[in-house]
Amino acid sequence: MSHASVERPVRTHRLKLVVDHDERGIFRAHVEDEFGKSIFEFSNEDDDGSPSVEGLWLIEFGYMRHARDAHGLMEYLQEMGIARSSATLSVEG
């Protein structure tokens, strides 16, 4: 199963989706607040570091259309209380 980790809700409004790794079937990214602190991480890796056969769980469960879908990810972060409704999300990488 793919992994994700979450920190407490963000008080800032400008968030950034940073793609850490996207090659050879592995995708890993995180969301930073405006101070550069990682507030949400996700990947399609299994516990052993290989690509999950299920794929990226945010896509599998319909939250995102593709790995860099900032709109879908923002809706998920807002729904989970990680981002405020007035927040913005840009993509880097």
PDB file of N, CA and C in Angstrom:
ATOM      1  N   MET A   1       0.847  -1.180   0.000  1.00  0.00           N
ATOM      2  CA  MET A   1       0.000   0.000   0.000  1.00  0.00           C
ATOM      3  C   MET A   1       0.887   1.236   0.000  1.00  0.00           C
ATOM      4  N   SER A   2       0.514   2.264  -0.704  1.00  0.00           N
ATOM      5  CA  SER A   2       1.288   3.500  -0.721  1.00  0.00           C
ATOM      6  C   SER A   2       1.164   4.220   0.608  1.00  0.00           C
ATOM      7  N   HIS A   3       2.079   5.130   0.845  1.00  0.00           N
ATOM      8  CA  HIS A   3       2.185   5.771   2.150  1.00  0.00           C
ATOM      9  C   HIS A   3       1.879   7.257   2.103  1.00  0.00           C
ATOM     10  N   ALA A   4       1.446   7.794   3.235  1.00  0.00           N
ATOM     11  CA  ALA A   4       1.254   9.227   3.413  1.00  0.00           C
ATOM     12  C   ALA A   4       1.446   9.540   4.882  1.00  0.00           C
ATOM     13  N   SER A   5       1.926  10.735   5.156  1.00  0.00           N
ATOM     14  CA  SER A   5       2.017  11.178   6.539  1.00  0.00           C
ATOM     15  C   SER A   5       1.492  12.594   6.610  1.00  0.00           C
ATOM     16  N   VAL A   6       0.926  12.926   7.742  1.00  0.00           N
ATOM     17  CA  VAL A   6       0.239  14.205   7.893  1.00  0.00           C
ATOM     18  C   VAL A   6       0.703  14.892   9.170  1.00  0.00           C
ATOM     19  N   GLU A   7       0.872  16.200   9.090  1.00  0.00           N
ATOM     20  CA  GLU A   7       1.161  17.022  10.264  1.00  0.00           C
ATOM     21  C   GLU A   7      -0.127  17.722  10.673  1.00  0.00           C
ATOM     22  N   ARG A   8      -0.090  18.561  11.679  1.00  0.00           N
ATOM     23  CA  ARG A   8      -1.272  19.298  12.146  1.00  0.00           C
ATOM     24  C   ARG A   8      -1.741  20.310  11.097  1.00  0.00           C
ATOM     25  N   PRO A   9      -2.958  20.836  11.227  1.00  0.00           N
ATOM     26  CA  PRO A   9      -3.496  21.777  10.234  1.00  0.00           C
ATOM     27  C   PRO A   9      -2.606  23.006  10.040  1.00  0.00           C
ATOM     28  N   VAL A  10      -2.603  23.486   8.811  1.00  0.00           N
ATOM     29  CA  VAL A  10      -1.762  24.606   8.427  1.00  0.00           C
ATOM     30  C   VAL A  10      -2.478  25.925   8.682  1.00  0.00           C
ATOM     31  N   ARG A  11      -1.753  26.904   9.180  1.00  0.00           N
ATOM     32  CA  ARG A  11      -2.324  28.223   9.435  1.00  0.00           C
ATOM     33  C   ARG A  11      -2.051  29.176   8.264  1.00  0.00           C
ATOM     34  N   THR A  12      -1.129  28.829   7.390  1.00  0.00           N
ATOM     35  CA  THR A  12      -0.765  29.703   6.283  1.00  0.00           C
ATOM     36  C   THR A  12      -1.609  29.386   5.048  1.00  0.00           C
ATOM     37  N   HIS A  13      -1.505  30.247   4.036  1.00  0.00           N
ATOM     38  CA  HIS A  13      -2.362  30.108   2.869  1.00  0.00           C
ATOM     39  C   HIS A  13      -1.646  29.635   1.607  1.00  0.00           C
ATOM     40  N   ARG A  14      -0.359  29.903   1.484  1.00  0.00           N
ATOM     41  CA  ARG A  14       0.355  29.532   0.260  1.00  0.00           C
ATOM     42  C   ARG A  14       1.094  28.218   0.463  1.00  0.00           C
ATOM     43  N   LEU A  15       0.628  27.188  -0.223  1.00  0.00           N
ATOM     44  CA  LEU A  15       1.223  25.870  -0.122  1.00  0.00           C
ATOM     45  C   LEU A  15       1.897  25.528  -1.445  1.00  0.00           C
ATOM     46  N   LYS A  16       2.855  24.595  -1.378  1.00  0.00           N
ATOM     47  CA  LYS A  16       3.581  24.201  -2.579  1.00  0.00           C
ATOM     48  C   LYS A  16       3.691  22.679  -2.621  1.00  0.00           C
ATOM     49  N   LEU A  17       3.297  22.079  -3.747  1.00  0.00           N
ATOM     50  CA  LEU A  17       3.479  20.650  -3.983  1.00  0.00           C
ATOM     51  C   LEU A  17       4.866  20.468  -4.600  1.00  0.00           C
ATOM     52  N   VAL A  18       5.740  19.782  -3.906  1.00  0.00           N
ATOM     53  CA  VAL A  18       7.115  19.567  -4.364  1.00  0.00           C
ATOM     54  C   VAL A  18       7.269  18.104  -4.760  1.00  0.00           C
ATOM     55  N   VAL A  19       7.603  17.854  -6.025  1.00  0.00           N
ATOM     56  CA  VAL A  19       7.836  16.493  -6.504  1.00  0.00           C
ATOM     57  C   VAL A  19       9.280  16.133  -6.178  1.00  0.00           C
ATOM     58  N   ASP A  20       9.448  15.144  -5.316  1.00  0.00           N
ATOM     59  CA  ASP A  20      10.773  14.720  -4.882  1.00  0.00           C
ATOM     60  C   ASP A  20      11.407  13.694  -5.809  1.00  0.00           C
ATOM     61  N   HIS A  21      10.574  12.823  -6.381  1.00  0.00           N
ATOM     62  CA  HIS A  21      11.099  11.745  -7.227  1.00  0.00           C
ATOM     63  C   HIS A  21       9.994  11.309  -8.186  1.00  0.00           C
ATOM     64  N   ASP A  22      10.307  11.219  -9.469  1.00  0.00           N
ATOM     65  CA  ASP A  22       9.344  10.759 -10.457  1.00  0.00           C
ATOM     66  C   ASP A  22      10.089  10.087 -11.601  1.00  0.00           C
ATOM     67  N   GLU A  23      10.494   8.847 -11.368  1.00  0.00           N
ATOM     68  CA  GLU A  23      11.158   8.078 -12.415  1.00  0.00           C
ATOM     69  C   GLU A  23      11.132   6.599 -12.087  1.00  0.00           C
ATOM     70  N   ARG A  24      11.248   5.786 -13.116  1.00  0.00           N
ATOM     71  CA  ARG A  24      11.277   4.328 -13.006  1.00  0.00           C
ATOM     72  C   ARG A  24      10.096   3.772 -12.220  1.00  0.00           C
ATOM     73  N   GLY A  25       8.939   4.404 -12.406  1.00  0.00           N
ATOM     74  CA  GLY A  25       7.716   3.917 -11.784  1.00  0.00           C
ATOM     75  C   GLY A  25       7.487   4.375 -10.353  1.00  0.00           C
ATOM     76  N   ILE A  26       8.421   5.111  -9.790  1.00  0.00           N
ATOM     77  CA  ILE A  26       8.275   5.586  -8.415  1.00  0.00           C
ATOM     78  C   ILE A  26       7.940   7.074  -8.423  1.00  0.00           C
ATOM     79  N   PHE A  27       6.927   7.430  -7.636  1.00  0.00           N
ATOM     80  CA  PHE A  27       6.543   8.831  -7.484  1.00  0.00           C
ATOM     81  C   PHE A  27       6.511   9.150  -6.001  1.00  0.00           C
ATOM     82  N   ARG A  28       7.194  10.235  -5.625  1.00  0.00           N
ATOM     83  CA  ARG A  28       7.231  10.685  -4.235  1.00  0.00           C
ATOM     84  C   ARG A  28       7.150  12.203  -4.223  1.00  0.00           C
ATOM     85  N   ALA A  29       6.284  12.750  -3.368  1.00  0.00           N
ATOM     86  CA  ALA A  29       6.109  14.204  -3.299  1.00  0.00           C
ATOM     87  C   ALA A  29       5.711  14.608  -1.888  1.00  0.00           C
ATOM     88  N   HIS A  30       5.795  15.904  -1.638  1.00  0.00           N
ATOM     89  CA  HIS A  30       5.328  16.440  -0.359  1.00  0.00           C
ATOM     90  C   HIS A  30       4.763  17.834  -0.577  1.00  0.00           C
ATOM     91  N   VAL A  31       3.979  18.286   0.387  1.00  0.00           N
ATOM     92  CA  VAL A  31       3.410  19.628   0.359  1.00  0.00           C
ATOM     93  C   VAL A  31       4.087  20.428   1.462  1.00  0.00           C
ATOM     94  N   GLU A  32       4.545  21.629   1.100  1.00  0.00           N
ATOM     95  CA  GLU A  32       5.197  22.523   2.060  1.00  0.00           C
ATOM     96  C   GLU A  32       4.314  23.728   2.328  1.00  0.00           C
ATOM     97  N   ASP A  33       4.425  24.243   3.559  1.00  0.00           N
ATOM     98  CA  ASP A  33       3.768  25.517   3.845  1.00  0.00           C
ATOM     99  C   ASP A  33       4.686  26.647   3.372  1.00  0.00           C
ATOM    100  N   GLU A  34       4.285  27.885   3.581  1.00  0.00           N
ATOM    101  CA  GLU A  34       5.068  29.018   3.060  1.00  0.00           C
ATOM    102  C   GLU A  34       6.409  29.192   3.763  1.00  0.00           C
ATOM    103  N   PHE A  35       6.635  28.454   4.850  1.00  0.00           N
ATOM    104  CA  PHE A  35       7.913  28.514   5.554  1.00  0.00           C
ATOM    105  C   PHE A  35       8.836  27.366   5.171  1.00  0.00           C
ATOM    106  N   GLY A  36       8.386  26.517   4.228  1.00  0.00           N
ATOM    107  CA  GLY A  36       9.191  25.396   3.762  1.00  0.00           C
ATOM    108  C   GLY A  36       9.048  24.140   4.603  1.00  0.00           C
ATOM    109  N   LYS A  37       8.122  24.128   5.540  1.00  0.00           N
ATOM    110  CA  LYS A  37       7.902  22.952   6.387  1.00  0.00           C
ATOM    111  C   LYS A  37       6.991  21.963   5.668  1.00  0.00           C
ATOM    112  N   SER A  38       7.385  20.714   5.643  1.00  0.00           N
ATOM    113  CA  SER A  38       6.577  19.674   5.023  1.00  0.00           C
ATOM    114  C   SER A  38       5.362  19.381   5.906  1.00  0.00           C
ATOM    115  N   ILE A  39       4.172  19.462   5.303  1.00  0.00           N
ATOM    116  CA  ILE A  39       2.947  19.230   6.064  1.00  0.00           C
ATOM    117  C   ILE A  39       2.190  17.987   5.598  1.00  0.00           C
ATOM    118  N   PHE A  40       2.558  17.442   4.427  1.00  0.00           N
ATOM    119  CA  PHE A  40       1.899  16.250   3.901  1.00  0.00           C
ATOM    120  C   PHE A  40       2.847  15.586   2.914  1.00  0.00           C
ATOM    121  N   GLU A  41       3.008  14.289   3.029  1.00  0.00           N
ATOM    122  CA  GLU A  41       3.881  13.527   2.125  1.00  0.00           C
ATOM    123  C   GLU A  41       3.108  12.356   1.557  1.00  0.00           C
ATOM    124  N   PHE A  42       3.394  12.013   0.302  1.00  0.00           N
ATOM    125  CA  PHE A  42       2.756  10.840  -0.292  1.00  0.00           C
ATOM    126  C   PHE A  42       3.653  10.239  -1.359  1.00  0.00           C
ATOM    127  N   SER A  43       3.455   8.936  -1.589  1.00  0.00           N
ATOM    128  CA  SER A  43       4.223   8.228  -2.616  1.00  0.00           C
ATOM    129  C   SER A  43       3.463   6.973  -3.023  1.00  0.00           C
ATOM    130  N   ASN A  44       3.952   6.339  -4.070  1.00  0.00           N
ATOM    131  CA  ASN A  44       3.379   5.076  -4.503  1.00  0.00           C
ATOM    132  C   ASN A  44       4.282   3.908  -4.132  1.00  0.00           C
ATOM    133  N   GLU A  45       5.175   4.121  -3.167  1.00  0.00           N
ATOM    134  CA  GLU A  45       6.127   3.083  -2.785  1.00  0.00           C
ATOM    135  C   GLU A  45       5.557   2.146  -1.717  1.00  0.00           C
ATOM    136  N   ASP A  46       5.931   0.868  -1.839  1.00  0.00           N
ATOM    137  CA  ASP A  46       5.637  -0.103  -0.797  1.00  0.00           C
ATOM    138  C   ASP A  46       6.644   0.055   0.326  1.00  0.00           C
ATOM    139  N   ASP A  47       6.489  -0.740   1.374  1.00  0.00           N
ATOM    140  CA  ASP A  47       7.409  -0.691   2.509  1.00  0.00           C
ATOM    141  C   ASP A  47       8.856  -0.966   2.115  1.00  0.00           C
ATOM    142  N   ASP A  48       9.056  -1.766   1.071  1.00  0.00           N
ATOM    143  CA  ASP A  48      10.427  -2.086   0.631  1.00  0.00           C
ATOM    144  C   ASP A  48      10.981  -1.082  -0.381  1.00  0.00           C
ATOM    145  N   GLY A  49      10.215  -0.028  -0.707  1.00  0.00           N
ATOM    146  CA  GLY A  49      10.693   1.014  -1.612  1.00  0.00           C
ATOM    147  C   GLY A  49      10.387   0.784  -3.078  1.00  0.00           C
ATOM    148  N   SER A  50       9.749  -0.333  -3.405  1.00  0.00           N
ATOM    149  CA  SER A  50       9.388  -0.582  -4.801  1.00  0.00           C
ATOM    150  C   SER A  50       7.999  -0.004  -5.086  1.00  0.00           C
ATOM    151  N   PRO A  51       7.690   0.238  -6.377  1.00  0.00           N
ATOM    152  CA  PRO A  51       6.372   0.802  -6.709  1.00  0.00           C
ATOM    153  C   PRO A  51       5.237  -0.124  -6.275  1.00  0.00           C
ATOM    154  N   SER A  52       4.206   0.434  -5.681  1.00  0.00           N
ATOM    155  CA  SER A  52       3.048  -0.325  -5.233  1.00  0.00           C
ATOM    156  C   SER A  52       2.258  -0.806  -6.443  1.00  0.00           C
ATOM    157  N   VAL A  53       1.771  -2.027  -6.396  1.00  0.00           N
ATOM    158  CA  VAL A  53       0.953  -2.543  -7.494  1.00  0.00           C
ATOM    159  C   VAL A  53      -0.383  -1.812  -7.562  1.00  0.00           C
ATOM    160  N   GLU A  54      -0.824  -1.228  -6.449  1.00  0.00           N
ATOM    161  CA  GLU A  54      -2.079  -0.483  -6.429  1.00  0.00           C
ATOM    162  C   GLU A  54      -1.928   0.915  -7.022  1.00  0.00           C
ATOM    163  N   GLY A  55      -0.702   1.403  -7.163  1.00  0.00           N
ATOM    164  CA  GLY A  55      -0.484   2.749  -7.669  1.00  0.00           C
ATOM    165  C   GLY A  55      -0.553   3.780  -6.561  1.00  0.00           C
ATOM    166  N   LEU A  56      -0.667   5.028  -6.945  1.00  0.00           N
ATOM    167  CA  LEU A  56      -0.738   6.136  -5.999  1.00  0.00           C
ATOM    168  C   LEU A  56      -2.139   6.177  -5.398  1.00  0.00           C
ATOM    169  N   TRP A  57      -2.251   6.008  -4.090  1.00  0.00           N
ATOM    170  CA  TRP A  57      -3.555   5.855  -3.448  1.00  0.00           C
ATOM    171  C   TRP A  57      -4.463   7.055  -3.644  1.00  0.00           C
ATOM    172  N   LEU A  58      -3.929   8.259  -3.732  1.00  0.00           N
ATOM    173  CA  LEU A  58      -4.762   9.442  -3.957  1.00  0.00           C
ATOM    174  C   LEU A  58      -5.464   9.389  -5.318  1.00  0.00           C
ATOM    175  N   ILE A  59      -4.831   8.757  -6.294  1.00  0.00           N
ATOM    176  CA  ILE A  59      -5.446   8.572  -7.614  1.00  0.00           C
ATOM    177  C   ILE A  59      -6.415   7.397  -7.572  1.00  0.00           C
ATOM    178  N   GLU A  60      -5.993   6.298  -6.971  1.00  0.00           N
ATOM    179  CA  GLU A  60      -6.832   5.104  -6.881  1.00  0.00           C
ATOM    180  C   GLU A  60      -8.175   5.384  -6.209  1.00  0.00           C
ATOM    181  N   PHE A  61      -8.171   6.231  -5.183  1.00  0.00           N
ATOM    182  CA  PHE A  61      -9.409   6.536  -4.460  1.00  0.00           C
ATOM    183  C   PHE A  61     -10.138   7.756  -5.017  1.00  0.00           C
ATOM    184  N   GLY A  62      -9.656   8.300  -6.141  1.00  0.00           N
ATOM    185  CA  GLY A  62     -10.373   9.347  -6.853  1.00  0.00           C
ATOM    186  C   GLY A  62     -10.153  10.764  -6.369  1.00  0.00           C
ATOM    187  N   TYR A  63      -9.202  10.977  -5.469  1.00  0.00           N
ATOM    188  CA  TYR A  63      -8.939  12.341  -5.011  1.00  0.00           C
ATOM    189  C   TYR A  63      -8.171  13.157  -6.052  1.00  0.00           C
ATOM    190  N   MET A  64      -7.278  12.505  -6.773  1.00  0.00           N
ATOM    191  CA  MET A  64      -6.469  13.178  -7.787  1.00  0.00           C
ATOM    192  C   MET A  64      -6.642  12.457  -9.121  1.00  0.00           C
ATOM    193  N   ARG A  65      -6.502  13.203 -10.227  1.00  0.00           N
ATOM    194  CA  ARG A  65      -6.599  12.609 -11.566  1.00  0.00           C
ATOM    195  C   ARG A  65      -5.240  12.112 -12.060  1.00  0.00           C
ATOM    196  N   HIS A  66      -4.180  12.764 -11.602  1.00  0.00           N
ATOM    197  CA  HIS A  66      -2.812  12.393 -11.947  1.00  0.00           C
ATOM    198  C   HIS A  66      -1.910  12.871 -10.819  1.00  0.00           C
ATOM    199  N   ALA A  67      -0.647  12.480 -10.851  1.00  0.00           N
ATOM    200  CA  ALA A  67       0.262  12.729  -9.725  1.00  0.00           C
ATOM    201  C   ALA A  67       0.519  14.207  -9.435  1.00  0.00           C
ATOM    202  N   ARG A  68       0.341  15.067 -10.423  1.00  0.00           N
ATOM    203  CA  ARG A  68       0.566  16.508 -10.219  1.00  0.00           C
ATOM    204  C   ARG A  68      -0.733  17.313 -10.231  1.00  0.00           C
ATOM    205  N   ASP A  69      -1.827  16.668  -9.880  1.00  0.00           N
ATOM    206  CA  ASP A  69      -3.144  17.300  -9.874  1.00  0.00           C
ATOM    207  C   ASP A  69      -3.292  18.173  -8.621  1.00  0.00           C
ATOM    208  N   ALA A  70      -2.876  19.428  -8.740  1.00  0.00           N
ATOM    209  CA  ALA A  70      -2.895  20.357  -7.601  1.00  0.00           C
ATOM    210  C   ALA A  70      -4.324  20.622  -7.131  1.00  0.00           C
ATOM    211  N   HIS A  71      -5.270  20.720  -8.057  1.00  0.00           N
ATOM    212  CA  HIS A  71      -6.660  20.993  -7.681  1.00  0.00           C
ATOM    213  C   HIS A  71      -7.231  19.848  -6.835  1.00  0.00           C
ATOM    214  N   GLY A  72      -7.057  18.618  -7.304  1.00  0.00           N
ATOM    215  CA  GLY A  72      -7.561  17.458  -6.563  1.00  0.00           C
ATOM    216  C   GLY A  72      -6.878  17.302  -5.217  1.00  0.00           C
ATOM    217  N   LEU A  73      -5.568  17.519  -5.180  1.00  0.00           N
ATOM    218  CA  LEU A  73      -4.835  17.418  -3.918  1.00  0.00           C
ATOM    219  C   LEU A  73      -5.297  18.492  -2.944  1.00  0.00           C
ATOM    220  N   MET A  74      -5.512  19.709  -3.430  1.00  0.00           N
ATOM    221  CA  MET A  74      -5.975  20.792  -2.555  1.00  0.00           C
ATOM    222  C   MET A  74      -7.344  20.463  -1.960  1.00  0.00           C
ATOM    223  N   GLU A  75      -8.237  19.937  -2.771  1.00  0.00           N
ATOM    224  CA  GLU A  75      -9.551  19.545  -2.255  1.00  0.00           C
ATOM    225  C   GLU A  75      -9.407  18.494  -1.158  1.00  0.00           C
ATOM    226  N   TYR A  76      -8.521  17.524  -1.351  1.00  0.00           N
ATOM    227  CA  TYR A  76      -8.286  16.493  -0.336  1.00  0.00           C
ATOM    228  C   TYR A  76      -7.733  17.113   0.949  1.00  0.00           C
ATOM    229  N   LEU A  77      -6.722  17.980   0.823  1.00  0.00           N
ATOM    230  CA  LEU A  77      -6.117  18.617   1.997  1.00  0.00           C
ATOM    231  C   LEU A  77      -7.143  19.453   2.765  1.00  0.00           C
ATOM    232  N   GLN A  78      -8.019  20.126   2.050  1.00  0.00           N
ATOM    233  CA  GLN A  78      -9.065  20.920   2.697  1.00  0.00           C
ATOM    234  C   GLN A  78     -10.092  20.017   3.374  1.00  0.00           C
ATOM    235  N   GLU A  79     -10.477  18.949   2.698  1.00  0.00           N
ATOM    236  CA  GLU A  79     -11.445  18.010   3.258  1.00  0.00           C
ATOM    237  C   GLU A  79     -10.923  17.374   4.549  1.00  0.00           C
ATOM    238  N   MET A  80      -9.637  17.113   4.614  1.00  0.00           N
ATOM    239  CA  MET A  80      -9.020  16.492   5.781  1.00  0.00           C
ATOM    240  C   MET A  80      -8.655  17.500   6.870  1.00  0.00           C
ATOM    241  N   GLY A  81      -8.854  18.795   6.597  1.00  0.00           N
ATOM    242  CA  GLY A  81      -8.536  19.816   7.583  1.00  0.00           C
ATOM    243  C   GLY A  81      -7.064  20.180   7.644  1.00  0.00           C
ATOM    244  N   ILE A  82      -6.305  19.791   6.643  1.00  0.00           N
ATOM    245  CA  ILE A  82      -4.871  20.089   6.598  1.00  0.00           C
ATOM    246  C   ILE A  82      -4.647  21.491   6.045  1.00  0.00           C
ATOM    247  N   ALA A  83      -5.490  21.901   5.101  1.00  0.00           N
ATOM    248  CA  ALA A  83      -5.393  23.237   4.494  1.00  0.00           C
ATOM    249  C   ALA A  83      -6.702  23.972   4.675  1.00  0.00           C
ATOM    250  N   ARG A  84      -6.609  25.296   4.831  1.00  0.00           N
ATOM    251  CA  ARG A  84      -7.805  26.113   4.953  1.00  0.00           C
ATOM    252  C   ARG A  84      -8.439  26.324   3.585  1.00  0.00           C
ATOM    253  N   SER A  85      -9.697  26.700   3.575  1.00  0.00           N
ATOM    254  CA  SER A  85     -10.416  26.885   2.316  1.00  0.00           C
ATOM    255  C   SER A  85      -9.844  28.022   1.480  1.00  0.00           C
ATOM    256  N   SER A  86      -9.151  28.958   2.108  1.00  0.00           N
ATOM    257  CA  SER A  86      -8.566  30.091   1.383  1.00  0.00           C
ATOM    258  C   SER A  86      -7.141  29.819   0.888  1.00  0.00           C
ATOM    259  N   ALA A  87      -6.615  28.635   1.134  1.00  0.00           N
ATOM    260  CA  ALA A  87      -5.241  28.311   0.747  1.00  0.00           C
ATOM    261  C   ALA A  87      -5.104  28.158  -0.761  1.00  0.00           C
ATOM    262  N   THR A  88      -3.886  28.360  -1.260  1.00  0.00           N
ATOM    263  CA  THR A  88      -3.552  28.116  -2.653  1.00  0.00           C
ATOM    264  C   THR A  88      -2.454  27.067  -2.699  1.00  0.00           C
ATOM    265  N   LEU A  89      -2.359  26.349  -3.817  1.00  0.00           N
ATOM    266  CA  LEU A  89      -1.349  25.298  -3.972  1.00  0.00           C
ATOM    267  C   LEU A  89      -0.709  25.422  -5.339  1.00  0.00           C
ATOM    268  N   SER A  90       0.601  25.577  -5.363  1.00  0.00           N
ATOM    269  CA  SER A  90       1.345  25.598  -6.619  1.00  0.00           C
ATOM    270  C   SER A  90       2.173  24.319  -6.712  1.00  0.00           C
ATOM    271  N   VAL A  91       2.624  23.980  -7.922  1.00  0.00           N
ATOM    272  CA  VAL A  91       3.394  22.762  -8.152  1.00  0.00           C
ATOM    273  C   VAL A  91       4.826  23.126  -8.508  1.00  0.00           C
ATOM    274  N   GLU A  92       5.775  22.419  -7.904  1.00  0.00           N
ATOM    275  CA  GLU A  92       7.197  22.608  -8.194  1.00  0.00           C
ATOM    276  C   GLU A  92       7.813  21.244  -8.503  1.00  0.00           C
ATOM    277  N   GLY A  93       8.446  21.148  -9.661  1.00  0.00           N
ATOM    278  CA  GLY A  93       9.123  19.905 -10.016  1.00  0.00           C
ATOM    279  C   GLY A  93       8.307  18.969 -10.855  1.00  0.00           C
TER     280      GLY A  93
END
